[in-house]
Amino acid sequence: MANGRVQAMPGDADVWLIGERRATDGRKYYASNLPADILLKALAAVIKARWICEQAYQKLKEERGIDDF
């Protein structure tokens, strides 16, 4: 908490909780401060792009030992 307020994400924008139901591994949840009028297809693309980045980072940590950085 800072100044008596809970700080969840930067900026003054609203924060949205997005839920995804997957057939194989249950549910996933994401927080977003993107505008409420964003197209669902664009929102999904942003979520998937982040997942790809996280997977690449995990692979680098495991294979190249960059987990200390």
PDB file of N, CA and C in Angstrom:
ATOM      1  N   MET A   1       0.835  -1.178   0.000  1.00  0.00           N
ATOM      2  CA  MET A   1       0.000   0.000   0.000  1.00  0.00           C
ATOM      3  C   MET A   1       0.874   1.233   0.000  1.00  0.00           C
ATOM      4  N   ALA A   2       0.455   2.199  -0.754  1.00  0.00           N
ATOM      5  CA  ALA A   2       1.155   3.471  -0.810  1.00  0.00           C
ATOM      6  C   ALA A   2       0.127   4.576  -0.653  1.00  0.00           C
ATOM      7  N   ASN A   3       0.361   5.489   0.267  1.00  0.00           N
ATOM      8  CA  ASN A   3      -0.583   6.593   0.505  1.00  0.00           C
ATOM      9  C   ASN A   3      -1.980   6.095   0.867  1.00  0.00           C
ATOM     10  N   GLY A   4      -2.068   4.952   1.534  1.00  0.00           N
ATOM     11  CA  GLY A   4      -3.360   4.429   1.937  1.00  0.00           C
ATOM     12  C   GLY A   4      -4.159   3.773   0.831  1.00  0.00           C
ATOM     13  N   ARG A   5      -3.593   3.650  -0.372  1.00  0.00           N
ATOM     14  CA  ARG A   5      -4.300   3.038  -1.502  1.00  0.00           C
ATOM     15  C   ARG A   5      -3.594   1.751  -1.912  1.00  0.00           C
ATOM     16  N   VAL A   6      -4.344   0.792  -2.348  1.00  0.00           N
ATOM     17  CA  VAL A   6      -3.765  -0.438  -2.868  1.00  0.00           C
ATOM     18  C   VAL A   6      -3.259  -0.160  -4.276  1.00  0.00           C
ATOM     19  N   GLN A   7      -2.021  -0.483  -4.528  1.00  0.00           N
ATOM     20  CA  GLN A   7      -1.421  -0.268  -5.837  1.00  0.00           C
ATOM     21  C   GLN A   7      -1.368  -1.594  -6.576  1.00  0.00           C
ATOM     22  N   ALA A   8      -2.232  -1.791  -7.556  1.00  0.00           N
ATOM     23  CA  ALA A   8      -2.270  -3.042  -8.299  1.00  0.00           C
ATOM     24  C   ALA A   8      -1.550  -2.932  -9.634  1.00  0.00           C
ATOM     25  N   MET A   9      -1.792  -1.843 -10.355  1.00  0.00           N
ATOM     26  CA  MET A   9      -1.176  -1.645 -11.657  1.00  0.00           C
ATOM     27  C   MET A   9      -0.897  -0.163 -11.825  1.00  0.00           C
ATOM     28  N   PRO A  10       0.075   0.186 -12.645  1.00  0.00           N
ATOM     29  CA  PRO A  10       0.397   1.601 -12.827  1.00  0.00           C
ATOM     30  C   PRO A  10      -0.714   2.359 -13.556  1.00  0.00           C
ATOM     31  N   GLY A  11      -0.797   3.635 -13.263  1.00  0.00           N
ATOM     32  CA  GLY A  11      -1.753   4.482 -13.957  1.00  0.00           C
ATOM     33  C   GLY A  11      -3.070   4.603 -13.227  1.00  0.00           C
ATOM     34  N   ASP A  12      -3.923   5.440 -13.773  1.00  0.00           N
ATOM     35  CA  ASP A  12      -5.225   5.686 -13.172  1.00  0.00           C
ATOM     36  C   ASP A  12      -6.340   4.903 -13.863  1.00  0.00           C
ATOM     37  N   ALA A  13      -6.012   4.045 -14.799  1.00  0.00           N
ATOM     38  CA  ALA A  13      -7.021   3.301 -15.557  1.00  0.00           C
ATOM     39  C   ALA A  13      -7.667   2.227 -14.700  1.00  0.00           C
ATOM     40  N   ASP A  14      -8.865   1.835 -15.088  1.00  0.00           N
ATOM     41  CA  ASP A  14      -9.532   0.716 -14.442  1.00  0.00           C
ATOM     42  C   ASP A  14      -8.742  -0.559 -14.708  1.00  0.00           C
ATOM     43  N   VAL A  15      -8.856  -1.499 -13.806  1.00  0.00           N
ATOM     44  CA  VAL A  15      -8.194  -2.793 -13.963  1.00  0.00           C
ATOM     45  C   VAL A  15      -9.277  -3.837 -14.170  1.00  0.00           C
ATOM     46  N   TRP A  16      -9.084  -4.663 -15.178  1.00  0.00           N
ATOM     47  CA  TRP A  16     -10.056  -5.686 -15.531  1.00  0.00           C
ATOM     48  C   TRP A  16      -9.493  -7.061 -15.205  1.00  0.00           C
ATOM     49  N   LEU A  17     -10.359  -7.941 -14.740  1.00  0.00           N
ATOM     50  CA  LEU A  17      -9.993  -9.335 -14.527  1.00  0.00           C
ATOM     51  C   LEU A  17     -10.596 -10.130 -15.672  1.00  0.00           C
ATOM     52  N   ILE A  18      -9.745 -10.826 -16.404  1.00  0.00           N
ATOM     53  CA  ILE A  18     -10.191 -11.604 -17.550  1.00  0.00           C
ATOM     54  C   ILE A  18     -10.047 -13.072 -17.193  1.00  0.00           C
ATOM     55  N   GLY A  19     -11.098 -13.819 -17.391  1.00  0.00           N
ATOM     56  CA  GLY A  19     -11.067 -15.252 -17.133  1.00  0.00           C
ATOM     57  C   GLY A  19     -11.099 -16.028 -18.433  1.00  0.00           C
ATOM     58  N   GLU A  20     -10.346 -17.097 -18.466  1.00  0.00           N
ATOM     59  CA  GLU A  20     -10.311 -17.966 -19.655  1.00  0.00           C
ATOM     60  C   GLU A  20     -10.568 -19.391 -19.194  1.00  0.00           C
ATOM     61  N   ARG A  21     -11.544 -20.028 -19.789  1.00  0.00           N
ATOM     62  CA  ARG A  21     -11.827 -21.420 -19.470  1.00  0.00           C
ATOM     63  C   ARG A  21     -11.188 -22.280 -20.544  1.00  0.00           C
ATOM     64  N   ARG A  22     -10.317 -23.174 -20.129  1.00  0.00           N
ATOM     65  CA  ARG A  22      -9.616 -24.040 -21.077  1.00  0.00           C
ATOM     66  C   ARG A  22     -10.128 -25.464 -20.950  1.00  0.00           C
ATOM     67  N   ALA A  23     -10.230 -26.136 -22.073  1.00  0.00           N
ATOM     68  CA  ALA A  23     -10.736 -27.505 -22.079  1.00  0.00           C
ATOM     69  C   ALA A  23      -9.758 -28.471 -21.409  1.00  0.00           C
ATOM     70  N   THR A  24      -8.463 -28.198 -21.549  1.00  0.00           N
ATOM     71  CA  THR A  24      -7.470 -29.161 -21.076  1.00  0.00           C
ATOM     72  C   THR A  24      -6.964 -28.900 -19.662  1.00  0.00           C
ATOM     73  N   ASP A  25      -6.743 -27.644 -19.293  1.00  0.00           N
ATOM     74  CA  ASP A  25      -6.123 -27.410 -17.980  1.00  0.00           C
ATOM     75  C   ASP A  25      -6.873 -26.374 -17.142  1.00  0.00           C
ATOM     76  N   GLY A  26      -8.179 -26.425 -17.173  1.00  0.00           N
ATOM     77  CA  GLY A  26      -8.967 -25.593 -16.267  1.00  0.00           C
ATOM     78  C   GLY A  26      -9.071 -24.144 -16.662  1.00  0.00           C
ATOM     79  N   ARG A  27      -8.915 -23.270 -15.674  1.00  0.00           N
ATOM     80  CA  ARG A  27      -9.127 -21.838 -15.881  1.00  0.00           C
ATOM     81  C   ARG A  27      -7.843 -21.058 -15.674  1.00  0.00           C
ATOM     82  N   LYS A  28      -7.735 -19.975 -16.403  1.00  0.00           N
ATOM     83  CA  LYS A  28      -6.620 -19.031 -16.262  1.00  0.00           C
ATOM     84  C   LYS A  28      -7.220 -17.652 -16.068  1.00  0.00           C
ATOM     85  N   TYR A  29      -6.540 -16.828 -15.276  1.00  0.00           N
ATOM     86  CA  TYR A  29      -7.022 -15.475 -15.027  1.00  0.00           C
ATOM     87  C   TYR A  29      -5.906 -14.482 -15.319  1.00  0.00           C
ATOM     88  N   TYR A  30      -6.282 -13.335 -15.858  1.00  0.00           N
ATOM     89  CA  TYR A  30      -5.333 -12.299 -16.212  1.00  0.00           C
ATOM     90  C   TYR A  30      -5.878 -10.960 -15.736  1.00  0.00           C
ATOM     91  N   ALA A  31      -4.974 -10.063 -15.349  1.00  0.00           N
ATOM     92  CA  ALA A  31      -5.349  -8.689 -15.013  1.00  0.00           C
ATOM     93  C   ALA A  31      -4.897  -7.797 -16.155  1.00  0.00           C
ATOM     94  N   SER A  32      -5.720  -6.809 -16.485  1.00  0.00           N
ATOM     95  CA  SER A  32      -5.402  -5.925 -17.597  1.00  0.00           C
ATOM     96  C   SER A  32      -5.877  -4.514 -17.298  1.00  0.00           C
ATOM     97  N   ASN A  33      -5.124  -3.544 -17.766  1.00  0.00           N
ATOM     98  CA  ASN A  33      -5.578  -2.152 -17.687  1.00  0.00           C
ATOM     99  C   ASN A  33      -5.809  -1.584 -19.094  1.00  0.00           C
ATOM    100  N   LEU A  34      -6.045  -2.466 -20.058  1.00  0.00           N
ATOM    101  CA  LEU A  34      -6.385  -2.041 -21.416  1.00  0.00           C
ATOM    102  C   LEU A  34      -7.777  -1.421 -21.414  1.00  0.00           C
ATOM    103  N   PRO A  35      -8.089  -0.585 -22.397  1.00  0.00           N
ATOM    104  CA  PRO A  35      -9.413   0.056 -22.447  1.00  0.00           C
ATOM    105  C   PRO A  35     -10.543  -0.974 -22.522  1.00  0.00           C
ATOM    106  N   ALA A  36     -11.681  -0.623 -21.954  1.00  0.00           N
ATOM    107  CA  ALA A  36     -12.827  -1.532 -21.929  1.00  0.00           C
ATOM    108  C   ALA A  36     -13.384  -1.805 -23.320  1.00  0.00           C
ATOM    109  N   ASP A  37     -13.133  -0.930 -24.280  1.00  0.00           N
ATOM    110  CA  ASP A  37     -13.689  -1.118 -25.624  1.00  0.00           C
ATOM    111  C   ASP A  37     -12.741  -1.868 -26.562  1.00  0.00           C
ATOM    112  N   ILE A  38     -11.687  -2.474 -26.038  1.00  0.00           N
ATOM    113  CA  ILE A  38     -10.766  -3.236 -26.879  1.00  0.00           C
ATOM    114  C   ILE A  38     -11.513  -4.448 -27.453  1.00  0.00           C
ATOM    115  N   LEU A  39     -11.222  -4.771 -28.680  1.00  0.00           N
ATOM    116  CA  LEU A  39     -11.851  -5.932 -29.309  1.00  0.00           C
ATOM    117  C   LEU A  39     -11.358  -7.208 -28.623  1.00  0.00           C
ATOM    118  N   LEU A  40     -12.247  -8.167 -28.477  1.00  0.00           N
ATOM    119  CA  LEU A  40     -11.910  -9.419 -27.819  1.00  0.00           C
ATOM    120  C   LEU A  40     -10.745 -10.120 -28.521  1.00  0.00           C
ATOM    121  N   LYS A  41     -10.723 -10.060 -29.831  1.00  0.00           N
ATOM    122  CA  LYS A  41      -9.642 -10.690 -30.591  1.00  0.00           C
ATOM    123  C   LYS A  41      -8.295 -10.031 -30.275  1.00  0.00           C
ATOM    124  N   ALA A  42      -8.280  -8.707 -30.132  1.00  0.00           N
ATOM    125  CA  ALA A  42      -7.048  -7.989 -29.798  1.00  0.00           C
ATOM    126  C   ALA A  42      -6.616  -8.304 -28.366  1.00  0.00           C
ATOM    127  N   LEU A  43      -7.572  -8.396 -27.452  1.00  0.00           N
ATOM    128  CA  LEU A  43      -7.260  -8.740 -26.069  1.00  0.00           C
ATOM    129  C   LEU A  43      -6.639 -10.126 -25.983  1.00  0.00           C
ATOM    130  N   ALA A  44      -7.218 -11.072 -26.699  1.00  0.00           N
ATOM    131  CA  ALA A  44      -6.674 -12.427 -26.718  1.00  0.00           C
ATOM    132  C   ALA A  44      -5.262 -12.447 -27.295  1.00  0.00           C
ATOM    133  N   ALA A  45      -5.009 -11.653 -28.327  1.00  0.00           N
ATOM    134  CA  ALA A  45      -3.674 -11.594 -28.931  1.00  0.00           C
ATOM    135  C   ALA A  45      -2.647 -11.063 -27.930  1.00  0.00           C
ATOM    136  N   VAL A  46      -3.028 -10.061 -27.147  1.00  0.00           N
ATOM    137  CA  VAL A  46      -2.112  -9.505 -26.142  1.00  0.00           C
ATOM    138  C   VAL A  46      -1.804 -10.550 -25.070  1.00  0.00           C
ATOM    139  N   ILE A  47      -2.837 -11.244 -24.614  1.00  0.00           N
ATOM    140  CA  ILE A  47      -2.646 -12.271 -23.585  1.00  0.00           C
ATOM    141  C   ILE A  47      -1.738 -13.377 -24.100  1.00  0.00           C
ATOM    142  N   LYS A  48      -1.963 -13.836 -25.313  1.00  0.00           N
ATOM    143  CA  LYS A  48      -1.143 -14.917 -25.880  1.00  0.00           C
ATOM    144  C   LYS A  48       0.293 -14.456 -26.114  1.00  0.00           C
ATOM    145  N   ALA A  49       0.478 -13.200 -26.525  1.00  0.00           N
ATOM    146  CA  ALA A  49       1.830 -12.686 -26.745  1.00  0.00           C
ATOM    147  C   ALA A  49       2.608 -12.679 -25.434  1.00  0.00           C
ATOM    148  N   ARG A  50       1.960 -12.313 -24.350  1.00  0.00           N
ATOM    149  CA  ARG A  50       2.635 -12.319 -23.055  1.00  0.00           C
ATOM    150  C   ARG A  50       3.005 -13.744 -22.655  1.00  0.00           C
ATOM    151  N   TRP A  51       2.123 -14.696 -22.905  1.00  0.00           N
ATOM    152  CA  TRP A  51       2.404 -16.083 -22.562  1.00  0.00           C
ATOM    153  C   TRP A  51       3.628 -16.580 -23.327  1.00  0.00           C
ATOM    154  N   ILE A  52       3.734 -16.220 -24.596  1.00  0.00           N
ATOM    155  CA  ILE A  52       4.890 -16.631 -25.409  1.00  0.00           C
ATOM    156  C   ILE A  52       6.174 -16.051 -24.820  1.00  0.00           C
ATOM    157  N   CYS A  53       6.143 -14.784 -24.397  1.00  0.00           N
ATOM    158  CA  CYS A  53       7.318 -14.158 -23.781  1.00  0.00           C
ATOM    159  C   CYS A  53       7.696 -14.855 -22.483  1.00  0.00           C
ATOM    160  N   GLU A  54       6.714 -15.182 -21.672  1.00  0.00           N
ATOM    161  CA  GLU A  54       6.995 -15.857 -20.409  1.00  0.00           C
ATOM    162  C   GLU A  54       7.594 -17.235 -20.638  1.00  0.00           C
ATOM    163  N   GLN A  55       7.102 -17.945 -21.636  1.00  0.00           N
ATOM    164  CA  GLN A  55       7.647 -19.262 -21.948  1.00  0.00           C
ATOM    165  C   GLN A  55       9.091 -19.161 -22.431  1.00  0.00           C
ATOM    166  N   ALA A  56       9.389 -18.171 -23.256  1.00  0.00           N
ATOM    167  CA  ALA A  56      10.757 -17.976 -23.739  1.00  0.00           C
ATOM    168  C   ALA A  56      11.694 -17.640 -22.583  1.00  0.00           C
ATOM    169  N   TYR A  57      11.242 -16.797 -21.664  1.00  0.00           N
ATOM    170  CA  TYR A  57      12.056 -16.436 -20.511  1.00  0.00           C
ATOM    171  C   TYR A  57      12.318 -17.664 -19.634  1.00  0.00           C
ATOM    172  N   GLN A  58      11.295 -18.480 -19.423  1.00  0.00           N
ATOM    173  CA  GLN A  58      11.468 -19.688 -18.623  1.00  0.00           C
ATOM    174  C   GLN A  58      12.492 -20.623 -19.269  1.00  0.00           C
ATOM    175  N   LYS A  59      12.431 -20.745 -20.579  1.00  0.00           N
ATOM    176  CA  LYS A  59      13.380 -21.603 -21.296  1.00  0.00           C
ATOM    177  C   LYS A  59      14.803 -21.071 -21.160  1.00  0.00           C
ATOM    178  N   LEU A  60      14.961 -19.734 -21.252  1.00  0.00           N
ATOM    179  CA  LEU A  60      16.281 -19.140 -21.068  1.00  0.00           C
ATOM    180  C   LEU A  60      16.818 -19.396 -19.665  1.00  0.00           C
ATOM    181  N   LYS A  61      15.964 -19.303 -18.679  1.00  0.00           N
ATOM    182  CA  LYS A  61      16.383 -19.562 -17.304  1.00  0.00           C
ATOM    183  C   LYS A  61      16.866 -20.997 -17.146  1.00  0.00           C
ATOM    184  N   GLU A  62      16.127 -21.921 -17.725  1.00  0.00           N
ATOM    185  CA  GLU A  62      16.469 -23.331 -17.578  1.00  0.00           C
ATOM    186  C   GLU A  62      17.696 -23.735 -18.383  1.00  0.00           C
ATOM    187  N   GLU A  63      17.776 -23.269 -19.634  1.00  0.00           N
ATOM    188  CA  GLU A  63      18.831 -23.731 -20.533  1.00  0.00           C
ATOM    189  C   GLU A  63      20.093 -22.873 -20.483  1.00  0.00           C
ATOM    190  N   ARG A  64      19.968 -21.612 -20.167  1.00  0.00           N
ATOM    191  CA  ARG A  64      21.108 -20.703 -20.202  1.00  0.00           C
ATOM    192  C   ARG A  64      21.498 -20.170 -18.834  1.00  0.00           C
ATOM    193  N   GLY A  65      20.757 -20.509 -17.812  1.00  0.00           N
ATOM    194  CA  GLY A  65      21.123 -20.114 -16.462  1.00  0.00           C
ATOM    195  C   GLY A  65      21.005 -18.624 -16.178  1.00  0.00           C
ATOM    196  N   ILE A  66      20.037 -17.948 -16.772  1.00  0.00           N
ATOM    197  CA  ILE A  66      19.927 -16.504 -16.533  1.00  0.00           C
ATOM    198  C   ILE A  66      18.984 -16.188 -15.379  1.00  0.00           C
ATOM    199  N   ASP A  67      18.663 -17.174 -14.547  1.00  0.00           N
ATOM    200  CA  ASP A  67      17.704 -16.939 -13.476  1.00  0.00           C
ATOM    201  C   ASP A  67      18.208 -15.974 -12.417  1.00  0.00           C
ATOM    202  N   ASP A  68      19.486 -15.656 -12.401  1.00  0.00           N
ATOM    203  CA  ASP A  68      20.019 -14.688 -11.433  1.00  0.00           C
ATOM    204  C   ASP A  68      19.902 -13.247 -11.927  1.00  0.00           C
ATOM    205  N   PHE A  69      19.473 -13.058 -13.141  1.00  0.00           N
ATOM    206  CA  PHE A  69      19.380 -11.722 -13.712  1.00  0.00           C
ATOM    207  C   PHE A  69      17.971 -11.212 -13.699  1.00  0.00           C
TER     208      PHE A  69
END
